[in-house]
Amino acid sequence: MSTKNLDYPNLSQLLEHHLDIQTGIYLLPPMPLGQGLCMSRSPLISDMEWNFAWGNLPVEQSLRDEALGTILHTTESYGLKPVYYSTVEPEKLHLPYHESVRETWMILPQDSLVKRAVPEGLTVTVLDKSEEDMFLSIYEEAFSSPESIQNDKPDLDSAYLFCLKTSFSSGAGAGCNWIGKMNGEPVCIATLLVHGEMAGLYNVGTRLKDQGRGYGWQITQHVIQNALSLGIRWIYLQTEQGSTVEKFYSRMGFVSHSSGYYLKLRK
């Protein structure tokens, strides 16, 4: 199923929504670069997914060259590699880039959520303060490599944990983090960040020893049903194109909406 020609938000709207709801968690407020461009930047995380320029590049060549120069100068001033996020195929831009990383944006059409029976003993609740360390522990385990967890040396960048912990203290994203417990034992987490009629799904993860038991499906199903009951119209997520994660959410009822491209610019 495709979302083309349907009354869905376009990719630029999804991108701006995503950047807005992540401000104060992983991101600083967008930095205007002029000529219709902005830069999104994380104060601690260096991954390109959180550090890139975006917006509409000028059509006039001289202004376009000036805009690219601004992107290069600004990213270098922060010790970052220059990346431009494109909402159209890179070939249409004629930009000087040396690598393109493609991701899929997925969206859940109304009334398309595939539901499964909830296992006996599983409860899903909004995270409270006493459970924050549990959330961080599951997050670190779920997003580190299995080998590093088995060796008791999680390899997830600690900056992610620090950003999340800081957001707990500041109240950013309050009420949007969820935890699932099986017979009282924490097993899975999810985050659904809401603004207006849209919500972005993030941080769905399960402890290594509990993976493959359907807990990720269940917590996602729960938070989505809760959001829909509150009148949220569109729920979206981002994932690597062709990944097992994309296939997982396709089975849940999500459909591919569009592709975005991280273009690593040449200096």
Protein backbone atom coordinates (compact mmCIF):
# COMPACT_ATOMS: atom_id res chain seq x y z
CA MET A 1 0.00 0.00 0.00
CA SER A 2 1.26 3.47 -0.86
CA THR A 3 0.43 6.78 0.76
CA LYS A 4 0.64 8.71 -2.51
CA ASN A 5 -2.40 10.81 -3.38
CA LEU A 6 -3.82 10.37 0.12
CA ASP A 7 -4.47 13.15 2.59
CA TYR A 8 -1.27 12.56 4.55
CA PRO A 9 1.35 15.04 5.74
CA ASN A 10 4.21 15.37 3.26
CA LEU A 11 7.80 14.48 4.08
CA SER A 12 8.84 18.06 4.82
CA GLN A 13 6.02 18.29 7.37
CA LEU A 14 7.02 14.99 8.96
CA LEU A 15 10.66 16.08 9.15
CA GLU A 16 9.81 19.39 10.80
CA HIS A 17 7.47 17.65 13.24
CA HIS A 18 10.19 15.13 14.12
CA LEU A 19 12.77 17.87 14.71
CA ASP A 20 10.31 19.89 16.78
CA ILE A 21 9.36 17.07 19.16
CA GLN A 22 12.99 15.99 19.61
CA THR A 23 14.10 19.50 20.59
CA GLY A 24 15.03 19.40 24.25
CA ILE A 25 15.66 15.65 24.17
CA TYR A 26 18.33 14.87 21.56
CA LEU A 27 18.34 18.22 19.75
CA LEU A 28 18.98 21.89 20.28
CA PRO A 29 16.53 24.34 18.66
CA PRO A 30 17.11 24.60 14.87
CA MET A 31 19.72 27.15 13.84
CA PRO A 32 18.76 29.40 10.89
CA LEU A 33 21.46 29.46 8.20
CA GLY A 34 19.72 31.91 5.90
CA GLN A 35 18.30 31.42 2.39
CA GLY A 36 15.62 29.02 3.62
CA LEU A 37 18.05 26.64 5.33
CA CYS A 38 18.38 25.53 8.95
CA MET A 39 20.76 23.32 10.84
CA SER A 40 19.70 20.73 13.39
CA ARG A 41 22.33 19.81 15.94
CA SER A 42 22.66 17.66 19.02
CA PRO A 43 24.65 19.09 21.93
CA LEU A 44 26.29 15.72 22.63
CA ILE A 45 25.54 13.12 19.96
CA SER A 46 27.78 13.24 16.90
CA ASP A 47 25.82 10.84 14.65
CA MET A 48 24.68 12.40 11.37
CA GLU A 49 21.04 11.53 12.11
CA TRP A 50 21.03 14.37 14.65
CA ASN A 51 23.39 16.81 12.92
CA PHE A 52 22.48 18.05 9.47
CA ALA A 53 21.34 21.00 7.39
CA TRP A 54 17.90 20.95 5.83
CA GLY A 55 15.44 23.16 3.98
CA ASN A 56 15.03 24.35 0.40
CA LEU A 57 18.28 25.06 -1.40
CA PRO A 58 18.21 28.20 -3.58
CA VAL A 59 17.68 27.59 -7.29
CA GLU A 60 20.00 30.38 -8.46
CA GLN A 61 23.50 28.89 -8.75
CA SER A 62 25.40 31.72 -7.04
CA LEU A 63 23.04 31.66 -4.05
CA ARG A 64 23.15 27.88 -4.04
CA ASP A 65 26.95 27.90 -3.87
CA GLU A 66 26.79 30.46 -1.08
CA ALA A 67 24.31 28.29 0.85
CA LEU A 68 26.54 25.23 0.50
CA GLY A 69 29.49 27.27 1.71
CA THR A 70 27.48 28.27 4.78
CA ILE A 71 26.64 24.63 5.50
CA LEU A 72 30.29 23.59 5.21
CA HIS A 73 31.52 26.46 7.38
CA THR A 74 28.89 25.97 10.08
CA THR A 75 29.31 22.22 10.41
CA GLU A 76 33.10 22.50 10.50
CA SER A 77 32.88 25.16 13.22
CA TYR A 78 31.18 22.55 15.44
CA GLY A 79 33.60 19.79 14.49
CA LEU A 80 30.93 17.95 12.50
CA LYS A 81 30.94 16.38 9.06
CA PRO A 82 28.82 18.35 6.55
CA VAL A 83 25.51 16.60 5.91
CA TYR A 84 22.43 17.83 4.06
CA TYR A 85 19.08 16.09 4.52
CA SER A 86 17.17 15.86 1.26
CA THR A 87 13.48 15.09 0.87
CA VAL A 88 13.94 14.40 -2.86
CA GLU A 89 16.15 11.97 -4.76
CA PRO A 90 19.79 13.14 -4.61
CA GLU A 91 20.14 12.94 -8.40
CA LYS A 92 17.68 15.81 -8.76
CA LEU A 93 19.80 18.17 -6.65
CA HIS A 94 23.16 17.97 -8.42
CA LEU A 95 24.99 18.45 -5.13
CA PRO A 96 28.67 17.67 -4.47
CA TYR A 97 28.21 14.69 -2.16
CA HIS A 98 30.27 11.51 -1.82
CA GLU A 99 27.76 9.25 -0.08
CA SER A 100 24.00 9.00 0.32
CA VAL A 101 22.26 7.16 3.17
CA ARG A 102 18.59 6.45 2.55
CA GLU A 103 15.90 5.96 5.17
CA THR A 104 12.21 5.14 5.02
CA TRP A 105 9.47 7.14 6.69
CA MET A 106 6.50 4.96 7.56
CA ILE A 107 3.03 6.07 8.56
CA LEU A 108 0.06 4.22 10.05
CA PRO A 109 -3.13 4.62 8.00
CA GLN A 110 -6.29 4.97 10.05
CA ASP A 111 -7.92 1.68 11.09
CA SER A 112 -4.96 -0.37 9.81
CA LEU A 113 -3.28 -1.38 13.10
CA VAL A 114 -2.88 -5.17 13.24
CA LYS A 115 -3.66 -6.22 16.81
CA ARG A 116 -2.49 -9.26 18.72
CA ALA A 117 -3.82 -10.71 21.96
CA VAL A 118 -2.00 -9.38 25.03
CA PRO A 119 -0.02 -12.11 26.85
CA GLU A 120 -1.22 -12.82 30.36
CA GLY A 121 0.95 -11.00 32.88
CA LEU A 122 2.08 -8.17 30.57
CA THR A 123 1.27 -4.63 31.67
CA VAL A 124 2.15 -1.40 29.84
CA THR A 125 2.12 1.92 31.69
CA VAL A 126 3.40 5.47 31.35
CA LEU A 127 6.87 5.72 32.86
CA ASP A 128 7.03 7.23 36.34
CA LYS A 129 10.07 8.72 38.05
CA SER A 130 10.88 5.56 40.00
CA GLU A 131 11.17 3.63 36.71
CA GLU A 132 13.52 5.97 34.84
CA ASP A 133 16.64 3.89 35.55
CA MET A 134 14.79 0.78 34.34
CA PHE A 135 13.94 2.58 31.09
CA LEU A 136 17.56 3.63 30.56
CA SER A 137 18.81 0.13 31.30
CA ILE A 138 16.48 -1.45 28.74
CA TYR A 139 17.28 1.30 26.23
CA GLU A 140 21.02 0.68 26.55
CA GLU A 141 20.58 -3.07 26.21
CA ALA A 142 18.15 -2.88 23.29
CA PHE A 143 20.27 -0.48 21.24
CA SER A 144 23.70 -1.97 21.92
CA SER A 145 24.98 -4.90 19.89
CA PRO A 146 24.02 -8.34 21.29
CA GLU A 147 27.70 -9.29 21.54
CA SER A 148 28.51 -6.28 23.72
CA ILE A 149 25.61 -7.08 26.05
CA GLN A 150 26.69 -10.69 26.36
CA ASN A 151 30.17 -9.45 27.30
CA ASP A 152 28.70 -6.97 29.83
CA LYS A 153 30.18 -4.06 27.85
CA PRO A 154 27.28 -2.21 26.16
CA ASP A 155 28.56 -0.32 23.12
CA LEU A 156 25.77 2.25 22.79
CA ASP A 157 27.14 5.82 22.78
CA SER A 158 26.61 7.02 26.36
CA ALA A 159 25.56 10.43 24.98
CA TYR A 160 22.16 8.94 24.13
CA LEU A 161 21.64 7.88 27.74
CA PHE A 162 22.79 11.26 29.02
CA CYS A 163 20.36 13.09 26.72
CA LEU A 164 17.47 10.90 27.83
CA LYS A 165 18.35 11.27 31.50
CA THR A 166 18.54 15.04 31.10
CA SER A 167 15.14 15.06 29.39
CA PHE A 168 13.67 13.19 32.35
CA SER A 169 14.95 15.90 34.69
CA SER A 170 13.78 18.77 32.49
CA GLY A 171 10.38 17.27 31.80
CA ALA A 172 10.89 17.21 28.03
CA GLY A 173 8.68 14.50 26.56
CA ALA A 174 6.95 13.94 29.91
CA GLY A 175 4.15 11.41 29.69
CA CYS A 176 5.41 10.07 26.36
CA ASN A 177 7.69 7.29 27.63
CA TRP A 178 6.23 3.86 28.32
CA ILE A 179 7.46 0.69 30.01
CA GLY A 180 6.20 -2.86 29.70
CA LYS A 181 6.50 -5.40 32.51
CA MET A 182 5.93 -9.14 32.46
CA ASN A 183 4.71 -10.29 35.87
CA GLY A 184 6.28 -7.15 37.34
CA GLU A 185 9.64 -7.57 35.58
CA PRO A 186 10.60 -4.72 33.16
CA VAL A 187 11.02 -6.15 29.66
CA CYS A 188 10.34 -3.47 27.02
CA ILE A 189 10.06 0.27 26.37
CA ALA A 190 8.67 2.72 23.83
CA THR A 191 8.33 6.46 23.33
CA LEU A 192 5.53 8.22 21.47
CA LEU A 193 6.14 11.96 21.14
CA VAL A 194 2.97 13.89 20.39
CA HIS A 195 2.38 17.37 19.01
CA GLY A 196 -0.86 18.47 17.40
CA GLU A 197 -2.46 15.73 15.32
CA MET A 198 0.79 13.83 14.75
CA ALA A 199 3.01 11.58 16.85
CA GLY A 200 6.44 10.05 16.25
CA LEU A 201 7.26 6.55 17.48
CA TYR A 202 10.74 6.05 18.96
CA ASN A 203 12.84 3.93 21.30
CA VAL A 204 10.91 0.67 20.91
CA GLY A 205 13.17 -1.93 22.47
CA THR A 206 13.24 -5.16 24.47
CA ARG A 207 15.78 -6.71 26.81
CA LEU A 208 18.02 -9.15 24.95
CA LYS A 209 16.84 -12.23 26.85
CA ASP A 210 13.19 -11.35 26.20
CA GLN A 211 13.46 -10.57 22.49
CA GLY A 212 11.39 -12.65 20.09
CA ARG A 213 8.45 -12.99 22.47
CA GLY A 214 6.28 -10.30 20.94
CA TYR A 215 6.78 -7.66 23.64
CA GLY A 216 7.88 -5.01 21.15
CA TRP A 217 4.66 -5.56 19.20
CA GLN A 218 2.57 -5.38 22.36
CA ILE A 219 4.01 -2.16 23.76
CA THR A 220 3.80 -0.51 20.33
CA GLN A 221 0.21 -1.66 19.94
CA HIS A 222 -0.67 -0.29 23.38
CA VAL A 223 0.83 3.18 22.93
CA ILE A 224 -0.71 3.51 19.46
CA GLN A 225 -4.16 2.53 20.69
CA ASN A 226 -3.82 5.03 23.51
CA ALA A 227 -2.81 7.80 21.10
CA LEU A 228 -5.66 7.04 18.71
CA SER A 229 -8.14 7.16 21.58
CA LEU A 230 -6.91 10.68 22.33
CA GLY A 231 -7.55 11.83 18.77
CA ILE A 232 -4.05 11.59 17.30
CA ARG A 233 -4.49 11.37 13.55
CA TRP A 234 -1.08 10.41 12.16
CA ILE A 235 1.59 8.17 13.70
CA TYR A 236 4.92 7.86 11.91
CA LEU A 237 8.42 6.44 12.36
CA GLN A 238 11.78 6.40 10.60
CA THR A 239 13.86 3.34 9.87
CA GLU A 240 16.62 2.07 7.61
CA GLN A 241 15.24 1.14 4.22
CA GLY A 242 14.93 -2.61 3.68
CA SER A 243 15.69 -3.40 7.32
CA THR A 244 14.04 -6.05 9.50
CA VAL A 245 12.57 -3.16 11.48
CA GLU A 246 10.80 -1.89 8.35
CA LYS A 247 9.38 -5.37 7.74
CA PHE A 248 8.26 -5.63 11.38
CA TYR A 249 6.26 -2.42 11.22
CA SER A 250 4.82 -3.36 7.83
CA ARG A 251 3.32 -6.41 9.52
CA MET A 252 1.81 -4.11 12.15
CA GLY A 253 0.01 -2.09 9.47
CA PHE A 254 2.47 0.74 8.80
CA VAL A 255 3.09 1.62 5.16
CA SER A 256 6.04 3.24 3.42
CA HIS A 257 5.34 6.95 3.08
CA SER A 258 8.52 8.38 1.53
CA SER A 259 12.30 8.28 1.54
CA GLY A 260 14.74 10.76 3.01
CA TYR A 261 18.44 11.03 2.19
CA TYR A 262 21.43 12.02 4.30
CA LEU A 263 23.90 13.45 1.81
CA LYS A 264 27.48 13.57 3.02
CA LEU A 265 28.80 16.66 1.27
CA ARG A 266 32.24 16.99 -0.25
CA LYS A 267 34.34 19.83 1.11
